[in-house]
Amino acid sequence: MAFMEIEEKFQVREESLTLAGLLSKAPISLAETIKNKSVVILPSHGTIDAFYAGSLDILDHLNNNEIDADIYASDEDYKELSLHGADIWLGTFFITSVVVPIFCNVISSYIYDKLKAKNEDKISLQIIVERKNGTTTSVNFDGKIESLDKAINAVKELDDAH
């Protein structure tokens, strides 16, 4: 590998995390808030309680584009993890398969239109899709924007209507 070459990480794997599991671990007030959401933004970077800086902007963008989304934290418990550098860290999204097509379009427009990401920029995100049969699959991507389509297409394949 050449100096400063970005090593791409792309993985699709079965998960055990479900919305029911998230709800069972959440405080009652939070569980009530997120139980019918189509997208839940989860804590990021291996933490149990911190979100990437910009998570509230993504939340607003999703909700403004008619995706019923929320953050897996109460207002009082919400903390941001600020990572310094040029990389784009979007975080972890738990989504229902029903919103896969619109979510993929909205998150792509956020990346390209709002963040003005360029092909050589590095991006990291995880999307966990819960299907109607209760199984979950995660798509993890860490690499250059120019290769992000492979992750978005993998998520689209998890659409129950696909």
N, C-alpha and C. Protein backbone atom coordinates (compact mmCIF):
# COMPACT_ATOMS: atom_id res chain seq x y z
N MET A 1 0.85 -1.18 0.00
CA MET A 1 0.00 0.00 0.00
C MET A 1 0.89 1.24 0.00
N ALA A 2 0.54 2.16 -0.86
CA ALA A 2 1.30 3.41 -0.95
C ALA A 2 1.00 4.29 0.25
N PHE A 3 1.95 5.18 0.52
CA PHE A 3 1.77 6.13 1.62
C PHE A 3 0.49 6.91 1.42
N MET A 4 -0.33 7.01 2.46
CA MET A 4 -1.58 7.77 2.48
C MET A 4 -2.68 7.18 1.60
N GLU A 5 -2.49 5.97 1.09
CA GLU A 5 -3.54 5.33 0.32
C GLU A 5 -4.63 4.86 1.29
N ILE A 6 -5.86 5.09 0.91
CA ILE A 6 -6.98 4.74 1.78
C ILE A 6 -7.38 3.29 1.52
N GLU A 7 -7.35 2.49 2.58
CA GLU A 7 -7.79 1.11 2.47
C GLU A 7 -9.30 1.07 2.69
N GLU A 8 -9.99 0.55 1.72
CA GLU A 8 -11.45 0.48 1.79
C GLU A 8 -11.88 -0.71 2.62
N LYS A 9 -12.92 -0.49 3.43
CA LYS A 9 -13.52 -1.57 4.21
C LYS A 9 -15.00 -1.60 3.86
N PHE A 10 -15.45 -2.75 3.37
CA PHE A 10 -16.84 -2.93 2.99
C PHE A 10 -17.28 -4.30 3.47
N GLN A 11 -18.37 -4.34 4.23
CA GLN A 11 -18.80 -5.61 4.79
C GLN A 11 -20.32 -5.64 4.90
N VAL A 12 -20.90 -6.77 4.50
CA VAL A 12 -22.32 -7.03 4.68
C VAL A 12 -22.40 -8.28 5.54
N ARG A 13 -23.13 -8.18 6.67
CA ARG A 13 -23.21 -9.35 7.56
C ARG A 13 -24.54 -9.36 8.30
N GLU A 14 -24.92 -10.55 8.70
CA GLU A 14 -26.14 -10.71 9.49
C GLU A 14 -25.88 -10.14 10.89
N GLU A 15 -26.89 -9.55 11.48
CA GLU A 15 -26.80 -8.94 12.80
C GLU A 15 -27.82 -9.58 13.74
N SER A 16 -27.62 -9.40 15.01
CA SER A 16 -28.60 -9.87 16.00
C SER A 16 -29.42 -8.71 16.56
N LEU A 17 -29.00 -7.49 16.30
CA LEU A 17 -29.68 -6.31 16.80
C LEU A 17 -31.03 -6.14 16.12
N THR A 18 -32.08 -5.93 16.90
CA THR A 18 -33.42 -5.70 16.37
C THR A 18 -34.02 -4.48 17.04
N LEU A 19 -35.11 -3.97 16.48
CA LEU A 19 -35.79 -2.84 17.11
C LEU A 19 -36.31 -3.26 18.48
N ALA A 20 -36.84 -4.47 18.58
CA ALA A 20 -37.32 -4.95 19.88
C ALA A 20 -36.19 -4.96 20.91
N GLY A 21 -34.99 -5.35 20.48
CA GLY A 21 -33.84 -5.34 21.37
C GLY A 21 -33.45 -3.94 21.79
N LEU A 22 -33.48 -3.01 20.84
CA LEU A 22 -33.18 -1.61 21.16
C LEU A 22 -34.20 -1.07 22.17
N LEU A 23 -35.47 -1.38 21.93
CA LEU A 23 -36.52 -0.89 22.82
C LEU A 23 -36.39 -1.47 24.23
N SER A 24 -36.00 -2.74 24.32
CA SER A 24 -35.89 -3.37 25.64
C SER A 24 -34.75 -2.79 26.48
N LYS A 25 -33.72 -2.25 25.81
CA LYS A 25 -32.58 -1.67 26.53
C LYS A 25 -32.74 -0.18 26.80
N ALA A 26 -33.74 0.44 26.18
CA ALA A 26 -33.92 1.89 26.30
C ALA A 26 -34.76 2.24 27.52
N PRO A 27 -34.52 3.41 28.11
CA PRO A 27 -35.43 3.90 29.16
C PRO A 27 -36.84 4.01 28.56
N ILE A 28 -37.84 3.87 29.40
CA ILE A 28 -39.24 3.83 28.93
C ILE A 28 -39.59 5.03 28.07
N SER A 29 -39.19 6.22 28.48
CA SER A 29 -39.55 7.42 27.70
C SER A 29 -38.91 7.39 26.31
N LEU A 30 -37.67 6.93 26.22
CA LEU A 30 -37.01 6.83 24.92
C LEU A 30 -37.65 5.73 24.07
N ALA A 31 -37.96 4.60 24.68
CA ALA A 31 -38.60 3.50 23.96
C ALA A 31 -39.92 3.96 23.35
N GLU A 32 -40.68 4.74 24.10
CA GLU A 32 -41.96 5.26 23.59
C GLU A 32 -41.72 6.19 22.40
N THR A 33 -40.67 6.96 22.44
CA THR A 33 -40.37 7.91 21.38
C THR A 33 -39.94 7.22 20.09
N ILE A 34 -39.14 6.16 20.18
CA ILE A 34 -38.56 5.55 18.98
C ILE A 34 -39.30 4.33 18.47
N LYS A 35 -40.28 3.82 19.20
CA LYS A 35 -40.86 2.53 18.84
C LYS A 35 -41.48 2.47 17.45
N ASN A 36 -41.97 3.56 16.93
CA ASN A 36 -42.60 3.55 15.60
C ASN A 36 -41.78 4.31 14.55
N LYS A 37 -40.55 4.58 14.84
CA LYS A 37 -39.69 5.31 13.90
C LYS A 37 -39.20 4.38 12.79
N SER A 38 -39.02 4.93 11.61
CA SER A 38 -38.50 4.16 10.48
C SER A 38 -36.97 4.12 10.49
N VAL A 39 -36.36 5.15 11.09
CA VAL A 39 -34.90 5.24 11.19
C VAL A 39 -34.54 5.69 12.59
N VAL A 40 -33.58 4.99 13.19
CA VAL A 40 -33.05 5.38 14.50
C VAL A 40 -31.54 5.53 14.34
N ILE A 41 -31.04 6.72 14.66
CA ILE A 41 -29.60 6.96 14.60
C ILE A 41 -29.00 6.48 15.92
N LEU A 42 -28.08 5.53 15.81
CA LEU A 42 -27.48 4.90 17.00
C LEU A 42 -26.18 5.56 17.40
N PRO A 43 -25.77 5.37 18.66
CA PRO A 43 -24.45 5.86 19.09
C PRO A 43 -23.37 5.29 18.17
N SER A 44 -22.31 6.02 18.02
CA SER A 44 -21.32 5.69 17.00
C SER A 44 -19.94 5.38 17.55
N HIS A 45 -19.14 4.83 16.67
CA HIS A 45 -17.72 4.60 16.92
C HIS A 45 -17.47 3.72 18.14
N GLY A 46 -18.33 2.71 18.31
CA GLY A 46 -18.14 1.78 19.40
C GLY A 46 -18.54 2.30 20.77
N THR A 47 -19.17 3.46 20.83
CA THR A 47 -19.59 3.99 22.12
C THR A 47 -21.01 3.55 22.41
N ILE A 48 -21.42 3.67 23.65
CA ILE A 48 -22.79 3.33 24.00
C ILE A 48 -23.65 4.58 24.16
N ASP A 49 -23.01 5.76 24.09
CA ASP A 49 -23.81 6.96 24.37
C ASP A 49 -23.37 8.23 23.63
N ALA A 50 -22.46 8.13 22.68
CA ALA A 50 -22.00 9.34 21.97
C ALA A 50 -22.29 9.22 20.48
N PHE A 51 -22.65 10.35 19.90
CA PHE A 51 -23.00 10.41 18.49
C PHE A 51 -22.01 11.30 17.77
N TYR A 52 -21.81 11.05 16.48
CA TYR A 52 -20.91 11.89 15.71
C TYR A 52 -21.46 13.30 15.64
N ALA A 53 -20.56 14.28 15.64
CA ALA A 53 -20.96 15.66 15.42
C ALA A 53 -21.67 15.71 14.07
N GLY A 54 -22.79 16.39 14.03
CA GLY A 54 -23.57 16.45 12.80
C GLY A 54 -24.75 15.50 12.78
N SER A 55 -24.87 14.64 13.78
CA SER A 55 -25.99 13.69 13.82
C SER A 55 -27.33 14.40 13.84
N LEU A 56 -27.41 15.54 14.53
CA LEU A 56 -28.68 16.28 14.57
C LEU A 56 -28.99 16.89 13.21
N ASP A 57 -27.97 17.29 12.45
CA ASP A 57 -28.19 17.79 11.09
C ASP A 57 -28.74 16.69 10.20
N ILE A 58 -28.17 15.50 10.31
CA ILE A 58 -28.66 14.36 9.52
C ILE A 58 -30.10 14.05 9.92
N LEU A 59 -30.37 14.06 11.23
CA LEU A 59 -31.73 13.81 11.72
C LEU A 59 -32.71 14.80 11.10
N ASP A 60 -32.37 16.07 11.13
CA ASP A 60 -33.23 17.10 10.54
C ASP A 60 -33.42 16.86 9.05
N HIS A 61 -32.35 16.49 8.36
CA HIS A 61 -32.45 16.24 6.91
C HIS A 61 -33.39 15.06 6.63
N LEU A 62 -33.26 14.01 7.40
CA LEU A 62 -34.15 12.85 7.22
C LEU A 62 -35.60 13.25 7.45
N ASN A 63 -35.86 13.91 8.58
CA ASN A 63 -37.23 14.30 8.92
C ASN A 63 -37.80 15.31 7.91
N ASN A 64 -36.97 16.22 7.42
CA ASN A 64 -37.42 17.19 6.42
C ASN A 64 -37.73 16.55 5.08
N ASN A 65 -37.24 15.32 4.89
CA ASN A 65 -37.49 14.57 3.66
C ASN A 65 -38.47 13.42 3.90
N GLU A 66 -39.33 13.60 4.88
CA GLU A 66 -40.45 12.70 5.18
C GLU A 66 -40.03 11.29 5.58
N ILE A 67 -38.88 11.19 6.24
CA ILE A 67 -38.47 9.93 6.86
C ILE A 67 -38.61 10.13 8.36
N ASP A 68 -39.45 9.33 8.99
CA ASP A 68 -39.71 9.46 10.41
C ASP A 68 -38.52 8.89 11.19
N ALA A 69 -37.65 9.77 11.66
CA ALA A 69 -36.38 9.36 12.29
C ALA A 69 -36.22 10.00 13.66
N ASP A 70 -35.36 9.39 14.46
CA ASP A 70 -35.00 9.96 15.76
C ASP A 70 -33.63 9.45 16.17
N ILE A 71 -33.13 10.03 17.24
CA ILE A 71 -31.83 9.68 17.83
C ILE A 71 -32.08 8.74 19.01
N TYR A 72 -31.21 7.76 19.19
CA TYR A 72 -31.34 6.81 20.29
C TYR A 72 -30.76 7.41 21.58
N ALA A 73 -31.35 8.54 21.98
CA ALA A 73 -30.95 9.22 23.22
C ALA A 73 -31.99 10.28 23.56
N SER A 74 -32.16 10.52 24.83
CA SER A 74 -33.03 11.63 25.24
C SER A 74 -32.25 12.93 25.05
N ASP A 75 -32.94 14.04 25.05
CA ASP A 75 -32.27 15.34 24.91
C ASP A 75 -31.21 15.53 25.99
N GLU A 76 -31.52 15.11 27.21
CA GLU A 76 -30.58 15.29 28.33
C GLU A 76 -29.34 14.40 28.19
N ASP A 77 -29.51 13.22 27.57
CA ASP A 77 -28.41 12.26 27.48
C ASP A 77 -27.61 12.36 26.19
N TYR A 78 -28.04 13.21 25.26
CA TYR A 78 -27.37 13.31 23.97
C TYR A 78 -25.98 13.94 24.12
N LYS A 79 -24.96 13.23 23.60
CA LYS A 79 -23.58 13.73 23.61
C LYS A 79 -23.00 13.53 22.22
N GLU A 80 -22.17 14.47 21.80
CA GLU A 80 -21.52 14.34 20.50
C GLU A 80 -20.06 13.99 20.66
N LEU A 81 -19.61 13.12 19.77
CA LEU A 81 -18.21 12.71 19.67
C LEU A 81 -17.62 13.49 18.51
N SER A 82 -16.72 14.38 18.80
CA SER A 82 -16.14 15.23 17.76
C SER A 82 -14.82 14.62 17.31
N LEU A 83 -14.79 14.20 16.05
CA LEU A 83 -13.57 13.65 15.47
C LEU A 83 -12.98 14.70 14.55
N HIS A 84 -11.72 14.96 14.71
CA HIS A 84 -11.07 16.00 13.92
C HIS A 84 -10.34 15.36 12.75
N GLY A 85 -10.53 15.93 11.61
CA GLY A 85 -9.93 15.42 10.39
C GLY A 85 -10.86 15.68 9.23
N ALA A 86 -10.43 15.29 8.07
CA ALA A 86 -11.20 15.57 6.86
C ALA A 86 -12.21 14.48 6.55
N ASP A 87 -12.17 13.37 7.27
CA ASP A 87 -13.09 12.27 6.99
C ASP A 87 -14.52 12.64 7.35
N ILE A 88 -15.45 12.02 6.64
CA ILE A 88 -16.88 12.22 6.91
C ILE A 88 -17.35 10.99 7.69
N TRP A 89 -17.76 11.20 8.91
CA TRP A 89 -18.24 10.14 9.78
C TRP A 89 -19.75 10.33 9.94
N LEU A 90 -20.54 9.51 9.26
CA LEU A 90 -21.99 9.69 9.32
C LEU A 90 -22.62 8.95 10.49
N GLY A 91 -22.07 7.84 10.88
CA GLY A 91 -22.61 7.13 12.03
C GLY A 91 -23.31 5.84 11.66
N THR A 92 -24.15 5.38 12.59
CA THR A 92 -24.85 4.11 12.46
C THR A 92 -26.35 4.38 12.40
N PHE A 93 -26.99 3.82 11.38
CA PHE A 93 -28.42 4.02 11.18
C PHE A 93 -29.12 2.67 11.24
N PHE A 94 -30.13 2.57 12.09
CA PHE A 94 -30.97 1.38 12.16
C PHE A 94 -32.24 1.72 11.41
N ILE A 95 -32.53 1.01 10.31
CA ILE A 95 -33.69 1.36 9.49
C ILE A 95 -34.58 0.14 9.25
N THR A 96 -35.85 0.40 9.04
CA THR A 96 -36.77 -0.67 8.65
C THR A 96 -36.70 -0.81 7.13
N SER A 97 -36.93 -2.02 6.66
CA SER A 97 -36.81 -2.28 5.23
C SER A 97 -37.80 -1.46 4.40
N VAL A 98 -38.89 -1.03 5.01
CA VAL A 98 -39.91 -0.26 4.30
C VAL A 98 -39.35 1.04 3.75
N VAL A 99 -38.40 1.65 4.44
CA VAL A 99 -37.87 2.95 4.01
C VAL A 99 -36.56 2.86 3.24
N VAL A 100 -36.13 1.64 2.91
CA VAL A 100 -34.83 1.48 2.23
C VAL A 100 -34.71 2.36 0.99
N PRO A 101 -35.64 2.33 0.04
CA PRO A 101 -35.44 3.13 -1.18
C PRO A 101 -35.32 4.63 -0.91
N ILE A 102 -36.23 5.17 -0.11
CA ILE A 102 -36.19 6.61 0.15
C ILE A 102 -34.99 6.98 1.02
N PHE A 103 -34.66 6.13 2.00
CA PHE A 103 -33.50 6.40 2.85
C PHE A 103 -32.23 6.49 2.00
N CYS A 104 -32.05 5.54 1.08
CA CYS A 104 -30.85 5.55 0.24
C CYS A 104 -30.76 6.83 -0.58
N ASN A 105 -31.89 7.27 -1.12
CA ASN A 105 -31.90 8.52 -1.90
C ASN A 105 -31.60 9.73 -1.02
N VAL A 106 -32.22 9.78 0.15
CA VAL A 106 -32.07 10.94 1.04
C VAL A 106 -30.65 11.01 1.61
N ILE A 107 -30.09 9.87 2.02
CA ILE A 107 -28.75 9.90 2.59
C ILE A 107 -27.72 10.24 1.50
N SER A 108 -27.95 9.77 0.28
CA SER A 108 -27.06 10.12 -0.84
C SER A 108 -27.12 11.61 -1.13
N SER A 109 -28.33 12.17 -1.15
CA SER A 109 -28.45 13.61 -1.41
C SER A 109 -27.81 14.42 -0.29
N TYR A 110 -27.90 13.93 0.95
CA TYR A 110 -27.25 14.62 2.07
C TYR A 110 -25.73 14.64 1.86
N ILE A 111 -25.17 13.51 1.48
CA ILE A 111 -23.72 13.40 1.29
C ILE A 111 -23.24 14.30 0.16
N TYR A 112 -23.92 14.25 -0.96
CA TYR A 112 -23.45 14.98 -2.14
C TYR A 112 -23.90 16.44 -2.15
N ASP A 113 -25.15 16.71 -1.75
CA ASP A 113 -25.67 18.07 -1.86
C ASP A 113 -25.39 18.92 -0.61
N LYS A 114 -25.60 18.36 0.58
CA LYS A 114 -25.41 19.13 1.82
C LYS A 114 -23.94 19.18 2.23
N LEU A 115 -23.29 18.02 2.20
CA LEU A 115 -21.88 17.98 2.63
C LEU A 115 -20.92 18.34 1.51
N LYS A 116 -21.42 18.36 0.28
CA LYS A 116 -20.61 18.68 -0.91
C LYS A 116 -19.39 17.74 -1.00
N ALA A 117 -19.64 16.45 -0.71
CA ALA A 117 -18.56 15.47 -0.73
C ALA A 117 -18.02 15.28 -2.15
N LYS A 118 -16.72 15.08 -2.22
CA LYS A 118 -16.02 14.85 -3.49
C LYS A 118 -15.60 13.38 -3.54
N ASN A 119 -15.36 12.86 -4.74
CA ASN A 119 -15.01 11.44 -4.91
C ASN A 119 -13.83 10.99 -4.07
N GLU A 120 -12.85 11.87 -3.87
CA GLU A 120 -11.66 11.46 -3.13
C GLU A 120 -11.83 11.57 -1.61
N ASP A 121 -12.94 12.16 -1.15
CA ASP A 121 -13.20 12.25 0.30
C ASP A 121 -13.44 10.86 0.87
N LYS A 122 -13.09 10.69 2.12
CA LYS A 122 -13.29 9.42 2.81
C LYS A 122 -14.55 9.52 3.67
N ILE A 123 -15.34 8.46 3.64
CA ILE A 123 -16.60 8.43 4.39
C ILE A 123 -16.70 7.11 5.14
N SER A 124 -17.37 7.17 6.29
CA SER A 124 -17.60 5.98 7.10
C SER A 124 -19.04 5.99 7.58
N LEU A 125 -19.74 4.86 7.36
CA LEU A 125 -21.10 4.73 7.87
C LEU A 125 -21.47 3.27 7.99
N GLN A 126 -22.49 3.02 8.79
CA GLN A 126 -23.05 1.69 8.96
C GLN A 126 -24.57 1.83 8.88
N ILE A 127 -25.19 0.95 8.09
CA ILE A 127 -26.64 0.94 7.97
C ILE A 127 -27.10 -0.47 8.32
N ILE A 128 -27.96 -0.56 9.33
CA ILE A 128 -28.51 -1.84 9.77
C ILE A 128 -29.97 -1.87 9.35
N VAL A 129 -30.33 -2.86 8.55
CA VAL A 129 -31.69 -2.96 8.02
C VAL A 129 -32.41 -4.12 8.69
N GLU A 130 -33.58 -3.81 9.28
CA GLU A 130 -34.42 -4.86 9.84
C GLU A 130 -35.51 -5.17 8.82
N ARG A 131 -35.56 -6.43 8.41
CA ARG A 131 -36.53 -6.86 7.41
C ARG A 131 -37.84 -7.25 8.08
N LYS A 132 -38.86 -7.40 7.27
CA LYS A 132 -40.20 -7.74 7.79
C LYS A 132 -40.20 -9.06 8.55
N ASN A 133 -39.31 -9.99 8.17
CA ASN A 133 -39.27 -11.29 8.86
C ASN A 133 -38.50 -11.23 10.18
N GLY A 134 -38.01 -10.04 10.56
CA GLY A 134 -37.33 -9.86 11.84
C GLY A 134 -35.82 -10.03 11.80
N THR A 135 -35.27 -10.45 10.66
CA THR A 135 -33.81 -10.58 10.56
C THR A 135 -33.20 -9.20 10.28
N THR A 136 -31.97 -9.04 10.69
CA THR A 136 -31.27 -7.79 10.44
C THR A 136 -29.94 -8.06 9.76
N THR A 137 -29.57 -7.14 8.89
CA THR A 137 -28.32 -7.21 8.16
C THR A 137 -27.67 -5.84 8.20
N SER A 138 -26.36 -5.80 8.43
CA SER A 138 -25.67 -4.52 8.44
C SER A 138 -24.78 -4.39 7.21
N VAL A 139 -24.69 -3.16 6.74
CA VAL A 139 -23.78 -2.81 5.66
C VAL A 139 -22.83 -1.76 6.24
N ASN A 140 -21.55 -2.10 6.29
CA ASN A 140 -20.52 -1.20 6.81
C ASN A 140 -19.65 -0.75 5.65
N PHE A 141 -19.39 0.55 5.61
CA PHE A 141 -18.53 1.08 4.56
C PHE A 141 -17.59 2.11 5.17
N ASP A 142 -16.33 2.00 4.80
CA ASP A 142 -15.30 2.95 5.20
C ASP A 142 -14.35 3.05 4.02
N GLY A 143 -14.46 4.13 3.27
CA GLY A 143 -13.62 4.28 2.09
C GLY A 143 -13.91 5.57 1.37
N LYS A 144 -13.45 5.64 0.13
CA LYS A 144 -13.65 6.85 -0.67
C LYS A 144 -15.09 6.94 -1.17
N ILE A 145 -15.57 8.17 -1.26
CA ILE A 145 -16.93 8.44 -1.74
C ILE A 145 -17.16 7.77 -3.10
N GLU A 146 -16.15 7.75 -3.95
CA GLU A 146 -16.33 7.20 -5.29
C GLU A 146 -16.76 5.73 -5.27
N SER A 147 -16.55 5.03 -4.16
CA SER A 147 -16.96 3.62 -4.05
C SER A 147 -18.20 3.43 -3.18
N LEU A 148 -18.78 4.51 -2.71
CA LEU A 148 -19.93 4.42 -1.81
C LEU A 148 -21.13 3.72 -2.44
N ASP A 149 -21.27 3.81 -3.77
CA ASP A 149 -22.41 3.18 -4.45
C ASP A 149 -22.53 1.70 -4.13
N LYS A 150 -21.41 1.01 -3.94
CA LYS A 150 -21.48 -0.42 -3.65
C LYS A 150 -22.20 -0.65 -2.32
N ALA A 151 -21.99 0.21 -1.33
CA ALA A 151 -22.68 0.08 -0.05
C ALA A 151 -24.16 0.44 -0.19
N ILE A 152 -24.44 1.52 -0.90
CA ILE A 152 -25.83 1.94 -1.11
C ILE A 152 -26.60 0.85 -1.86
N ASN A 153 -25.98 0.26 -2.88
CA ASN A 153 -26.63 -0.82 -3.63
C ASN A 153 -26.86 -2.05 -2.76
N ALA A 154 -25.92 -2.35 -1.86
CA ALA A 154 -26.10 -3.49 -0.95
C ALA A 154 -27.27 -3.26 -0.02
N VAL A 155 -27.46 -2.01 0.43
CA VAL A 155 -28.61 -1.67 1.28
C VAL A 155 -29.89 -1.82 0.47
N LYS A 156 -29.89 -1.33 -0.76
CA LYS A 156 -31.09 -1.43 -1.62
C LYS A 156 -31.52 -2.87 -1.81
N GLU A 157 -30.57 -3.78 -1.86
CA GLU A 157 -30.89 -5.20 -2.03
C GLU A 157 -31.58 -5.79 -0.80
N LEU A 158 -31.54 -5.09 0.32
CA LEU A 158 -32.18 -5.56 1.54
C LEU A 158 -33.65 -5.12 1.65
N ASP A 159 -34.10 -4.37 0.66
CA ASP A 159 -35.49 -3.92 0.60
C ASP A 159 -36.37 -5.15 0.42
N ASP A 160 -37.37 -5.34 1.30
CA ASP A 160 -38.26 -6.50 1.21
C ASP A 160 -39.05 -6.54 -0.10
N ALA A 161 -39.27 -5.39 -0.71
CA ALA A 161 -40.00 -5.34 -1.97
C ALA A 161 -39.11 -5.63 -3.16
N HIS A 162 -37.80 -5.70 -2.93
CA HIS A 162 -36.80 -5.89 -4.00
C HIS A 162 -36.91 -7.26 -4.62
